[in-house]
Structures are given as C-alpha cells and as structure tokens.
N, C-alpha and C. Protein backbone atom coordinates (compact mmCIF):
# COMPACT_ATOMS: atom_id res chain seq x y z
N MET A 1 -16.89 25.98 -17.20
CA MET A 1 -17.05 24.60 -16.60
C MET A 1 -16.74 23.54 -17.85
N LYS A 2 -17.30 23.79 -19.02
CA LYS A 2 -17.12 22.85 -20.01
C LYS A 2 -15.45 22.90 -20.45
N ARG A 3 -15.01 24.11 -20.44
CA ARG A 3 -13.43 24.21 -20.77
C ARG A 3 -12.70 23.36 -19.74
N ALA A 4 -13.04 23.48 -18.38
CA ALA A 4 -12.37 22.70 -17.32
C ALA A 4 -12.51 21.22 -17.60
N LEU A 5 -13.65 20.71 -17.96
CA LEU A 5 -13.79 19.30 -18.18
C LEU A 5 -13.01 18.88 -19.37
N VAL A 6 -13.04 19.72 -20.52
CA VAL A 6 -12.09 19.30 -21.61
C VAL A 6 -10.64 19.23 -21.23
N LEU A 7 -10.07 20.06 -20.42
CA LEU A 7 -8.78 20.17 -19.93
C LEU A 7 -8.48 18.95 -19.06
N LEU A 8 -9.44 18.74 -18.16
CA LEU A 8 -9.26 17.49 -17.28
C LEU A 8 -9.23 16.20 -18.03
N ALA A 9 -10.11 16.14 -19.06
CA ALA A 9 -10.09 14.93 -20.03
C ALA A 9 -8.79 14.79 -20.75
N ALA A 10 -8.21 15.82 -21.27
CA ALA A 10 -6.91 15.88 -21.94
C ALA A 10 -5.80 15.47 -21.05
N ALA A 11 -5.88 15.98 -19.78
CA ALA A 11 -4.81 15.77 -18.91
C ALA A 11 -4.83 14.16 -18.48
N ALA A 12 -6.04 13.76 -18.40
CA ALA A 12 -6.21 12.24 -18.21
C ALA A 12 -5.74 11.32 -19.23
N VAL A 13 -5.96 11.73 -20.41
CA VAL A 13 -5.47 10.94 -21.60
C VAL A 13 -3.86 10.95 -21.55
N LEU A 14 -3.32 12.21 -21.46
CA LEU A 14 -1.89 12.28 -21.37
C LEU A 14 -1.33 11.69 -20.19
N ALA A 15 -1.95 11.60 -19.13
CA ALA A 15 -1.41 10.95 -17.90
C ALA A 15 -1.51 9.39 -18.02
N ALA A 16 -2.44 8.92 -18.88
CA ALA A 16 -2.53 7.48 -18.94
C ALA A 16 -1.42 6.83 -19.86
N VAL A 17 -0.82 7.64 -20.69
CA VAL A 17 0.26 7.16 -21.61
C VAL A 17 1.45 6.68 -20.91
N PRO A 18 1.88 5.53 -21.05
CA PRO A 18 2.96 4.93 -20.36
C PRO A 18 4.27 5.65 -20.71
N ASP A 19 5.11 5.80 -19.77
CA ASP A 19 6.57 6.42 -20.03
C ASP A 19 7.55 5.32 -20.40
N PRO A 20 7.81 5.14 -21.85
CA PRO A 20 8.83 4.12 -22.22
C PRO A 20 10.13 4.22 -21.59
N ALA A 21 10.56 5.45 -21.16
CA ALA A 21 11.88 5.52 -20.59
C ALA A 21 12.04 4.92 -19.32
N ARG A 22 10.96 4.63 -18.54
CA ARG A 22 11.02 3.91 -17.28
C ARG A 22 10.89 2.55 -17.51
N ALA A 23 11.64 1.80 -16.65
CA ALA A 23 11.64 0.30 -16.70
C ALA A 23 10.44 -0.10 -15.89
N GLN A 24 9.72 -1.14 -16.57
CA GLN A 24 8.49 -1.66 -15.92
C GLN A 24 8.79 -2.32 -14.63
N GLY A 25 8.01 -1.88 -13.55
CA GLY A 25 8.11 -2.65 -12.29
C GLY A 25 9.15 -1.78 -11.46
N ALA A 26 9.72 -0.76 -12.01
CA ALA A 26 10.80 0.02 -11.11
C ALA A 26 10.01 0.70 -10.08
N ASP A 27 10.50 0.67 -8.82
CA ASP A 27 9.88 1.40 -7.77
C ASP A 27 10.54 2.73 -7.72
N ASP A 28 9.87 3.78 -8.04
CA ASP A 28 10.45 5.13 -7.91
C ASP A 28 9.70 5.90 -6.94
N GLY A 29 9.27 5.36 -5.76
CA GLY A 29 8.77 6.23 -4.62
C GLY A 29 7.20 6.33 -4.57
N LEU A 30 6.75 7.14 -3.70
CA LEU A 30 5.33 7.32 -3.49
C LEU A 30 4.73 8.23 -4.51
N ARG A 31 3.72 7.87 -5.11
CA ARG A 31 3.03 8.66 -6.08
C ARG A 31 1.59 8.81 -5.81
N ILE A 32 1.03 10.08 -6.05
CA ILE A 32 -0.40 10.32 -5.91
C ILE A 32 -0.99 10.67 -7.24
N GLY A 33 -2.23 10.44 -7.36
CA GLY A 33 -2.98 10.80 -8.50
C GLY A 33 -4.35 11.46 -8.20
N LEU A 34 -5.09 11.97 -9.23
CA LEU A 34 -6.27 12.60 -9.10
C LEU A 34 -7.32 11.51 -8.99
N ARG A 35 -8.18 11.46 -8.02
CA ARG A 35 -9.26 10.48 -7.88
C ARG A 35 -10.51 11.10 -8.11
N LEU A 36 -11.18 10.58 -9.07
CA LEU A 36 -12.53 11.03 -9.53
C LEU A 36 -13.44 9.74 -9.43
N GLY A 37 -14.61 9.97 -8.85
CA GLY A 37 -15.50 8.94 -8.58
C GLY A 37 -16.93 9.33 -8.26
N ALA A 38 -17.72 8.35 -7.98
CA ALA A 38 -19.06 8.53 -7.52
C ALA A 38 -19.35 7.50 -6.34
N TYR A 39 -20.13 8.08 -5.33
CA TYR A 39 -20.47 7.36 -4.20
C TYR A 39 -21.94 7.14 -4.15
N PHE A 40 -22.37 5.96 -3.97
CA PHE A 40 -23.86 5.64 -3.99
C PHE A 40 -24.18 5.06 -2.67
N PRO A 41 -24.77 5.97 -1.78
CA PRO A 41 -25.11 5.58 -0.41
C PRO A 41 -26.11 4.43 -0.40
N SER A 42 -25.92 3.47 0.57
CA SER A 42 -26.83 2.34 0.72
C SER A 42 -28.04 2.74 1.65
N ASP A 43 -27.94 3.62 2.39
CA ASP A 43 -29.00 4.08 3.34
C ASP A 43 -30.01 5.11 2.55
N ALA A 44 -31.18 4.76 2.59
CA ALA A 44 -32.21 5.58 1.98
C ALA A 44 -32.34 6.96 2.59
N ASP A 45 -32.11 7.10 3.83
CA ASP A 45 -32.15 8.46 4.60
C ASP A 45 -30.97 9.29 4.07
N VAL A 46 -29.81 8.66 3.92
CA VAL A 46 -28.62 9.39 3.44
C VAL A 46 -28.84 9.82 1.99
N SER A 47 -29.34 8.89 1.07
CA SER A 47 -29.47 9.27 -0.31
C SER A 47 -30.68 10.22 -0.42
N ASP A 48 -31.75 10.08 0.31
CA ASP A 48 -32.73 11.20 0.25
C ASP A 48 -32.27 12.49 0.52
N ARG A 49 -31.22 12.78 1.40
CA ARG A 49 -30.79 14.04 1.85
C ARG A 49 -29.74 14.57 0.83
N PHE A 50 -28.99 13.58 0.26
CA PHE A 50 -27.75 14.16 -0.58
C PHE A 50 -27.79 13.62 -1.91
N GLY A 51 -28.81 12.89 -2.34
CA GLY A 51 -28.85 12.34 -3.70
C GLY A 51 -28.33 10.85 -3.87
N ASP A 52 -28.78 10.22 -4.87
CA ASP A 52 -28.38 8.86 -5.07
C ASP A 52 -27.06 8.73 -5.48
N VAL A 53 -26.42 9.74 -6.07
CA VAL A 53 -24.99 9.73 -6.43
C VAL A 53 -24.29 10.99 -5.91
N ILE A 54 -23.32 10.79 -5.20
CA ILE A 54 -22.56 11.90 -4.63
C ILE A 54 -21.10 11.94 -5.35
N PRO A 55 -20.77 12.98 -6.07
CA PRO A 55 -19.53 12.99 -6.66
C PRO A 55 -18.31 12.99 -5.69
N LEU A 56 -17.22 12.32 -6.10
CA LEU A 56 -16.06 12.31 -5.31
C LEU A 56 -14.90 12.89 -6.12
N VAL A 57 -14.11 13.75 -5.56
CA VAL A 57 -12.98 14.33 -6.08
C VAL A 57 -11.88 14.31 -4.95
N GLY A 58 -10.74 13.89 -5.24
CA GLY A 58 -9.65 13.85 -4.30
C GLY A 58 -8.41 13.41 -4.81
N ILE A 59 -7.52 12.98 -3.83
CA ILE A 59 -6.26 12.52 -4.33
C ILE A 59 -6.14 11.01 -3.77
N ALA A 60 -5.35 10.25 -4.43
CA ALA A 60 -5.22 8.80 -3.94
C ALA A 60 -3.76 8.30 -4.33
N ARG A 61 -3.35 7.24 -3.60
CA ARG A 61 -2.01 6.62 -3.91
C ARG A 61 -2.12 6.09 -5.29
N ALA A 62 -1.22 6.34 -6.16
CA ALA A 62 -1.08 5.72 -7.48
C ALA A 62 -0.14 4.52 -7.42
N VAL A 63 -0.68 3.33 -7.63
CA VAL A 63 0.09 2.18 -7.40
C VAL A 63 0.37 1.67 -8.78
N ALA A 64 1.63 1.42 -9.16
CA ALA A 64 2.03 0.83 -10.54
C ALA A 64 1.62 -0.61 -10.61
N PRO A 65 1.16 -1.08 -11.83
CA PRO A 65 0.83 -2.50 -11.91
C PRO A 65 2.08 -3.28 -11.74
N SER A 66 1.93 -4.46 -10.89
CA SER A 66 3.07 -5.36 -10.55
C SER A 66 2.36 -6.67 -10.42
N PRO A 67 2.23 -7.38 -11.51
CA PRO A 67 1.46 -8.74 -11.28
C PRO A 67 2.04 -9.70 -10.34
N GLY A 68 1.12 -10.20 -9.54
CA GLY A 68 1.49 -11.20 -8.48
C GLY A 68 2.13 -10.63 -7.14
N SER A 69 1.98 -9.33 -7.01
CA SER A 69 2.51 -8.65 -5.81
C SER A 69 1.51 -8.40 -4.81
N PHE A 70 1.96 -8.34 -3.50
CA PHE A 70 1.06 -7.96 -2.30
C PHE A 70 1.66 -6.75 -1.67
N ALA A 71 0.89 -5.78 -1.29
CA ALA A 71 1.47 -4.67 -0.55
C ALA A 71 0.51 -4.21 0.59
N LEU A 72 1.12 -3.77 1.71
CA LEU A 72 0.41 -3.21 2.88
C LEU A 72 0.86 -1.71 2.89
N PHE A 73 -0.12 -0.83 3.00
CA PHE A 73 0.13 0.67 3.13
C PHE A 73 -0.99 1.27 3.82
N PRO A 74 -0.79 2.48 4.39
CA PRO A 74 -1.77 3.21 5.09
C PRO A 74 -2.49 4.08 3.99
N ASN A 75 -3.81 4.39 4.30
CA ASN A 75 -4.57 5.14 3.34
C ASN A 75 -5.54 6.23 4.24
N LEU A 76 -5.46 7.38 3.73
CA LEU A 76 -6.15 8.43 4.37
C LEU A 76 -7.09 9.14 3.36
N GLU A 77 -8.35 9.22 3.56
CA GLU A 77 -9.24 9.82 2.58
C GLU A 77 -10.23 10.74 3.27
N ILE A 78 -10.87 11.54 2.54
CA ILE A 78 -11.88 12.39 3.04
C ILE A 78 -13.07 12.32 2.14
N SER A 79 -14.36 12.01 2.80
CA SER A 79 -15.69 11.85 1.98
C SER A 79 -16.64 12.73 2.68
N GLY A 80 -17.60 13.34 1.97
CA GLY A 80 -18.46 14.14 2.75
C GLY A 80 -19.35 14.80 1.60
N ALA A 81 -20.49 15.43 2.10
CA ALA A 81 -21.44 16.14 1.35
C ALA A 81 -22.23 17.07 2.20
N ARG A 82 -22.92 17.99 1.53
CA ARG A 82 -23.69 19.05 2.29
C ARG A 82 -24.95 19.23 1.36
N SER A 83 -26.13 19.38 2.02
CA SER A 83 -27.20 19.80 1.26
C SER A 83 -28.13 20.53 2.21
N GLY A 84 -28.29 21.80 2.00
CA GLY A 84 -29.11 22.62 2.90
C GLY A 84 -28.40 22.69 4.33
N SER A 85 -29.03 22.41 5.28
CA SER A 85 -28.41 22.40 6.67
C SER A 85 -27.86 20.95 6.95
N ASP A 86 -28.10 19.97 6.18
CA ASP A 86 -27.66 18.66 6.45
C ASP A 86 -26.26 18.45 5.90
N ARG A 87 -25.30 17.71 6.70
CA ARG A 87 -23.98 17.50 6.12
C ARG A 87 -23.34 16.38 6.92
N PHE A 88 -22.37 15.78 6.21
CA PHE A 88 -21.50 14.78 6.77
C PHE A 88 -20.13 14.80 6.25
N LEU A 89 -19.19 14.40 7.07
CA LEU A 89 -17.81 14.48 6.69
C LEU A 89 -17.26 13.16 7.38
N ILE A 90 -16.52 12.32 6.51
CA ILE A 90 -15.95 11.06 7.15
C ILE A 90 -14.49 11.10 6.69
N ILE A 91 -13.57 10.89 7.67
CA ILE A 91 -12.16 10.87 7.35
C ILE A 91 -11.72 9.52 7.86
N PRO A 92 -11.64 8.52 6.98
CA PRO A 92 -10.98 7.10 7.43
C PRO A 92 -9.52 7.18 7.24
N LEU A 93 -8.92 6.51 8.22
CA LEU A 93 -7.37 6.19 8.20
C LEU A 93 -7.42 4.62 8.35
N THR A 94 -6.99 4.08 7.24
CA THR A 94 -7.04 2.53 7.24
C THR A 94 -5.58 1.98 6.85
N LEU A 95 -5.53 0.78 7.12
CA LEU A 95 -4.50 -0.05 6.59
C LEU A 95 -4.95 -0.87 5.47
N VAL A 96 -4.26 -0.83 4.26
CA VAL A 96 -4.79 -1.48 3.07
C VAL A 96 -3.88 -2.63 2.75
N GLY A 97 -4.48 -3.85 2.41
CA GLY A 97 -3.75 -4.97 1.87
C GLY A 97 -4.23 -5.02 0.46
N GLU A 98 -3.28 -4.90 -0.50
CA GLU A 98 -3.63 -4.93 -1.88
C GLU A 98 -2.93 -6.14 -2.57
N TYR A 99 -3.64 -6.95 -3.39
CA TYR A 99 -2.93 -8.14 -4.10
C TYR A 99 -3.26 -7.89 -5.57
N GLN A 100 -2.21 -7.84 -6.36
CA GLN A 100 -2.41 -7.76 -7.84
C GLN A 100 -2.21 -9.15 -8.48
N LEU A 101 -3.21 -9.60 -9.16
CA LEU A 101 -3.29 -10.95 -9.69
C LEU A 101 -2.09 -11.14 -10.70
N PRO A 102 -1.63 -12.44 -10.72
CA PRO A 102 -0.46 -12.74 -11.57
C PRO A 102 -0.91 -13.10 -13.03
N VAL A 103 -1.13 -11.89 -13.71
CA VAL A 103 -1.53 -12.08 -15.11
C VAL A 103 -0.37 -11.36 -16.13
N THR A 104 -0.57 -11.73 -17.38
CA THR A 104 0.24 -11.04 -18.29
C THR A 104 -0.63 -10.19 -19.06
N GLY A 105 -0.19 -9.13 -19.71
CA GLY A 105 -0.97 -8.36 -20.55
C GLY A 105 -0.90 -6.92 -20.06
N VAL A 106 -1.75 -6.07 -20.72
CA VAL A 106 -1.79 -4.64 -20.31
C VAL A 106 -2.36 -4.40 -19.14
N ALA A 107 -3.65 -4.94 -18.83
CA ALA A 107 -4.33 -4.60 -17.56
C ALA A 107 -4.06 -5.64 -16.43
N VAL A 108 -3.82 -5.20 -15.25
CA VAL A 108 -3.55 -6.02 -14.21
C VAL A 108 -4.68 -5.90 -13.09
N PRO A 109 -5.52 -6.94 -12.97
CA PRO A 109 -6.55 -6.95 -11.95
C PRO A 109 -6.04 -6.85 -10.50
N PHE A 110 -6.71 -6.25 -9.58
CA PHE A 110 -6.27 -6.18 -8.23
C PHE A 110 -7.51 -6.35 -7.33
N VAL A 111 -7.34 -6.87 -6.12
CA VAL A 111 -8.33 -6.87 -5.11
C VAL A 111 -7.57 -6.28 -3.80
N ARG A 112 -8.40 -5.61 -2.96
CA ARG A 112 -7.82 -5.18 -1.83
C ARG A 112 -8.83 -5.06 -0.66
N ALA A 113 -8.49 -5.11 0.52
CA ALA A 113 -9.18 -4.98 1.73
C ALA A 113 -8.63 -3.96 2.66
N GLU A 114 -9.32 -3.15 3.34
CA GLU A 114 -8.76 -2.27 4.24
C GLU A 114 -9.62 -2.08 5.52
N GLY A 115 -9.01 -1.80 6.58
CA GLY A 115 -9.62 -1.56 7.81
C GLY A 115 -8.93 -0.57 8.82
N GLY A 116 -9.70 0.16 9.63
CA GLY A 116 -9.04 1.03 10.51
C GLY A 116 -10.12 1.87 11.27
N VAL A 117 -9.81 3.13 11.43
CA VAL A 117 -10.67 3.97 12.25
C VAL A 117 -11.02 5.23 11.38
N ALA A 118 -12.17 5.82 11.68
CA ALA A 118 -12.61 6.97 11.01
C ALA A 118 -13.17 7.99 11.97
N TYR A 119 -13.01 9.38 11.51
CA TYR A 119 -13.50 10.34 12.13
C TYR A 119 -14.99 10.74 11.52
N TYR A 120 -16.00 10.78 12.23
CA TYR A 120 -17.34 10.95 11.69
C TYR A 120 -17.87 12.30 12.30
N ASP A 121 -18.18 13.24 11.36
CA ASP A 121 -18.74 14.57 11.74
C ASP A 121 -19.98 14.69 10.89
N TYR A 122 -21.19 14.79 11.61
CA TYR A 122 -22.42 14.85 10.80
C TYR A 122 -23.48 15.76 11.53
N ARG A 123 -24.30 16.33 10.78
CA ARG A 123 -25.54 17.09 11.35
C ARG A 123 -26.62 16.78 10.28
N MET A 124 -27.77 16.22 10.74
CA MET A 124 -28.86 15.72 9.95
C MET A 124 -30.09 16.10 10.64
N ARG A 125 -31.01 16.78 9.95
CA ARG A 125 -32.31 17.15 10.53
C ARG A 125 -33.28 15.85 10.39
N ILE A 126 -33.76 15.53 11.53
CA ILE A 126 -34.59 14.28 11.53
C ILE A 126 -36.06 14.77 11.30
N ASP A 127 -36.52 15.81 11.98
CA ASP A 127 -37.82 16.41 11.80
C ASP A 127 -37.64 17.90 12.09
N SER A 128 -38.87 18.58 12.31
CA SER A 128 -38.74 19.95 12.42
C SER A 128 -38.15 20.36 13.80
N ALA A 129 -38.12 19.50 14.76
CA ALA A 129 -37.63 19.77 16.07
C ALA A 129 -36.33 18.99 16.57
N THR A 130 -35.99 18.08 15.74
CA THR A 130 -34.83 17.17 16.10
C THR A 130 -33.78 17.18 15.18
N VAL A 131 -32.56 17.38 15.52
CA VAL A 131 -31.44 17.30 14.74
C VAL A 131 -30.42 16.31 15.39
N ALA A 132 -29.95 15.41 14.53
CA ALA A 132 -28.91 14.43 15.02
C ALA A 132 -27.62 14.96 14.61
N ARG A 133 -26.71 15.00 15.53
CA ARG A 133 -25.28 15.53 15.25
C ARG A 133 -24.37 14.81 16.03
N GLY A 134 -23.15 14.62 15.58
CA GLY A 134 -22.18 14.01 16.30
C GLY A 134 -20.76 14.28 15.71
N ARG A 135 -19.79 14.06 16.57
CA ARG A 135 -18.39 14.03 16.18
C ARG A 135 -17.84 12.90 16.92
N GLU A 136 -17.59 11.82 16.21
CA GLU A 136 -17.25 10.57 16.74
C GLU A 136 -16.01 9.88 16.06
N PHE A 137 -15.34 8.84 16.73
CA PHE A 137 -14.48 8.04 16.11
C PHE A 137 -15.11 6.80 16.11
N GLY A 138 -15.03 5.83 15.05
CA GLY A 138 -15.48 4.64 14.96
C GLY A 138 -14.80 3.77 13.76
N PRO A 139 -15.11 2.53 13.67
CA PRO A 139 -14.54 1.69 12.68
C PRO A 139 -14.85 2.11 11.22
N ALA A 140 -13.97 1.68 10.39
CA ALA A 140 -14.27 1.88 8.94
C ALA A 140 -13.43 0.65 8.19
N ALA A 141 -14.02 0.23 7.09
CA ALA A 141 -13.57 -0.87 6.38
C ALA A 141 -13.95 -0.76 5.02
N ALA A 142 -13.32 -1.49 4.03
CA ALA A 142 -13.79 -1.53 2.63
C ALA A 142 -13.19 -2.82 1.96
N VAL A 143 -13.90 -3.18 0.90
CA VAL A 143 -13.39 -4.13 0.03
C VAL A 143 -13.53 -3.68 -1.40
N GLU A 144 -12.47 -3.91 -2.20
CA GLU A 144 -12.37 -3.22 -3.51
C GLU A 144 -11.77 -4.22 -4.54
N ALA A 145 -12.30 -4.08 -5.79
CA ALA A 145 -11.62 -4.77 -6.88
C ALA A 145 -11.54 -3.86 -8.09
N GLY A 146 -10.50 -4.06 -8.87
CA GLY A 146 -10.33 -3.10 -9.99
C GLY A 146 -9.24 -3.63 -10.87
N VAL A 147 -8.90 -2.66 -11.79
CA VAL A 147 -7.77 -2.96 -12.75
C VAL A 147 -6.87 -1.73 -12.84
N GLY A 148 -5.58 -2.18 -12.95
CA GLY A 148 -4.57 -1.12 -13.12
C GLY A 148 -4.09 -1.25 -14.54
N VAL A 149 -3.99 -0.16 -15.30
CA VAL A 149 -3.52 -0.19 -16.74
C VAL A 149 -2.08 0.23 -16.69
N THR A 150 -1.85 1.31 -16.13
CA THR A 150 -0.47 1.91 -16.05
C THR A 150 -0.34 2.43 -14.56
N ARG A 151 0.72 3.04 -14.26
CA ARG A 151 0.86 3.63 -12.96
C ARG A 151 0.02 4.86 -13.00
N HIS A 152 -0.39 5.37 -14.18
CA HIS A 152 -1.13 6.54 -14.44
C HIS A 152 -2.64 6.52 -14.54
N LEU A 153 -3.03 5.12 -14.53
CA LEU A 153 -4.52 4.90 -14.72
C LEU A 153 -4.98 3.55 -14.13
N ARG A 154 -6.00 3.71 -13.13
CA ARG A 154 -6.55 2.52 -12.58
C ARG A 154 -8.05 2.81 -12.32
N ALA A 155 -8.88 1.81 -12.37
CA ALA A 155 -10.24 1.97 -12.17
C ALA A 155 -10.71 0.89 -11.21
N SER A 156 -11.64 1.13 -10.38
CA SER A 156 -12.16 0.21 -9.39
C SER A 156 -13.55 0.44 -8.90
N ALA A 157 -14.10 -0.58 -8.25
CA ALA A 157 -15.41 -0.50 -7.52
C ALA A 157 -15.07 -0.95 -6.11
N ARG A 158 -15.54 -0.14 -5.15
CA ARG A 158 -15.20 -0.40 -3.62
C ARG A 158 -16.54 -0.26 -3.05
N TYR A 159 -16.65 -1.16 -2.02
CA TYR A 159 -17.83 -1.11 -1.07
C TYR A 159 -17.28 -0.51 0.29
N ARG A 160 -17.67 0.65 0.73
CA ARG A 160 -17.27 1.16 2.01
C ARG A 160 -18.26 0.80 3.20
N ILE A 161 -17.63 0.34 4.21
CA ILE A 161 -18.41 -0.07 5.46
C ILE A 161 -18.09 0.93 6.45
N PHE A 162 -19.00 1.82 6.83
CA PHE A 162 -18.84 2.79 7.90
C PHE A 162 -19.91 2.43 9.07
N GLN A 163 -19.51 3.04 10.20
CA GLN A 163 -20.28 2.96 11.26
C GLN A 163 -21.61 3.64 11.15
N SER A 164 -22.68 3.14 11.74
CA SER A 164 -23.97 3.71 11.73
C SER A 164 -24.05 4.54 12.93
N TYR A 165 -24.63 5.82 12.80
CA TYR A 165 -24.81 6.71 14.00
C TYR A 165 -26.27 7.23 13.83
N ASP A 166 -26.94 7.31 14.97
CA ASP A 166 -28.22 7.99 14.97
C ASP A 166 -29.27 7.54 13.89
N GLY A 167 -29.07 6.27 13.51
CA GLY A 167 -29.94 5.62 12.56
C GLY A 167 -29.44 5.96 11.06
N PHE A 168 -28.32 6.62 10.90
CA PHE A 168 -27.84 6.91 9.57
C PHE A 168 -26.62 6.05 9.25
N ASP A 169 -26.67 5.23 8.18
CA ASP A 169 -25.52 4.35 7.76
C ASP A 169 -24.89 5.02 6.55
N PHE A 170 -23.69 5.38 6.78
CA PHE A 170 -22.97 6.07 5.83
C PHE A 170 -22.22 5.09 4.71
N SER A 171 -22.41 3.81 4.81
CA SER A 171 -21.98 2.78 3.89
C SER A 171 -22.28 2.93 2.63
N GLY A 172 -21.62 2.47 1.61
CA GLY A 172 -22.11 2.49 0.23
C GLY A 172 -21.01 2.21 -0.79
N LEU A 173 -21.50 2.01 -2.05
CA LEU A 173 -20.61 1.64 -3.19
C LEU A 173 -19.98 2.86 -3.78
N GLU A 174 -18.62 2.72 -4.12
CA GLU A 174 -17.94 3.69 -4.84
C GLU A 174 -17.36 3.22 -6.04
N LEU A 175 -17.50 4.04 -7.18
CA LEU A 175 -16.83 3.75 -8.41
C LEU A 175 -15.75 4.81 -8.58
N ASN A 176 -14.55 4.38 -8.78
CA ASN A 176 -13.40 5.37 -8.75
C ASN A 176 -12.37 5.21 -10.04
N ALA A 177 -11.85 6.36 -10.37
CA ALA A 177 -10.73 6.17 -11.38
C ALA A 177 -9.56 7.06 -10.74
N VAL A 178 -8.42 6.49 -10.69
CA VAL A 178 -7.21 7.37 -10.37
C VAL A 178 -6.44 7.64 -11.67
N ILE A 179 -6.21 8.84 -11.89
CA ILE A 179 -5.38 9.26 -13.15
C ILE A 179 -4.32 10.08 -12.76
N GLY A 180 -3.17 9.96 -13.47
CA GLY A 180 -1.93 10.82 -13.27
C GLY A 180 -1.16 10.15 -12.11
N ALA A 181 -0.02 10.62 -11.99
CA ALA A 181 0.92 10.02 -10.94
C ALA A 181 2.03 11.19 -10.69
N LEU A 182 1.73 11.83 -9.56
CA LEU A 182 2.68 12.83 -9.23
C LEU A 182 3.74 12.30 -8.14
N ARG A 183 5.01 12.26 -8.36
CA ARG A 183 5.85 11.70 -7.49
C ARG A 183 6.07 12.55 -6.27
N ILE A 184 5.91 11.99 -5.06
CA ILE A 184 6.05 12.75 -3.82
C ILE A 184 7.51 12.53 -3.30
N PHE A 185 8.01 11.35 -3.25
CA PHE A 185 9.42 11.08 -2.84
C PHE A 185 9.75 9.75 -3.29
C-alpha cells in the first residue's frame, strides 16, 4: 500500500510538469486525468453510515488552462460507498459550463456550474425491520471553484446537489484534484 502511494505521488509530480514542446493554449483533443478527492456528506444520516469523509477515485476531463475562456461540455461521473449492508451509487450525467478567469500567471482560477440528471441506486437500513431502497432517476447539479496550474494539474472545491430520497440527502462538499492528462482523441 505504501509503495503504491509513493508511485502515485511520483506520477502526480511528473504529470504536473508542463510540456515545453507544446504551444500554450493549443487544443489537442479530449484529455482525461486521474481524479482524487474527498466527499463530505451534508446529511447526518448519510455520514453516520459511511463516515464523515468518503474517498473519491475516478477519472475526469482534464482541461488546459485558457484564461478568459468559457466552455460547455458533458460530464459523467460515478460516486458511491458501501458500509455493511448499506450502500449508495449515484451516476450523474450533467452539462457543465466552465469559465476560466482572465488572469496572467501560472495559476488560472475557474468557476463552473453543472446540471442534469442522475441515476440513484441505494439501500439503507432505517431500523431492524425497515430498509429504504430505490433505483431512481432525478435531478443533479453542482457549483465549483478551483485553480488550474497546467493541463496536468488542477484542484477544486465543489458542492454537489443531489435529490433527496426516503429522507436521505446525498448532497455534499467535494475536494478534488485532477492529475495527469491522457489524450483520448
């Protein structure tokens, strides 16, 4: 485990180094990166079951810094957790609007908002005789602010707004870092 963390940290440092051979602002296709983060549920019942901090690991669109630009793009993510017999899985498909502030320097701050639909799959024991479960489609949204350093490194804070089902609100704060950038096309 320790070796894997050291390798991951080394890969993150190498991925964050800018490529001087590439022209700044050049659009060279869709890129994805490794997303590492933490989710802090706002609902006490959800955090009691899964913990105050739920680790997030996944992939995310890697956006190159481009000061003063605005972009619209689709976003698909998967979030979830399991603890004993309780579990939840949320798969939001949203349309994102991202604006990168017109600043000069190494770091480019950005803000973004997203909205769309999500698939909710959950099973939570309410008491010894009652289990809340559902497989539903419902609304999903988020607001986010962060900073992009290179196309290989960005960090942000995002508040996720999810539908509440059976008294469980899956909304919460996320702290994320996207590292690396693998070109897809």
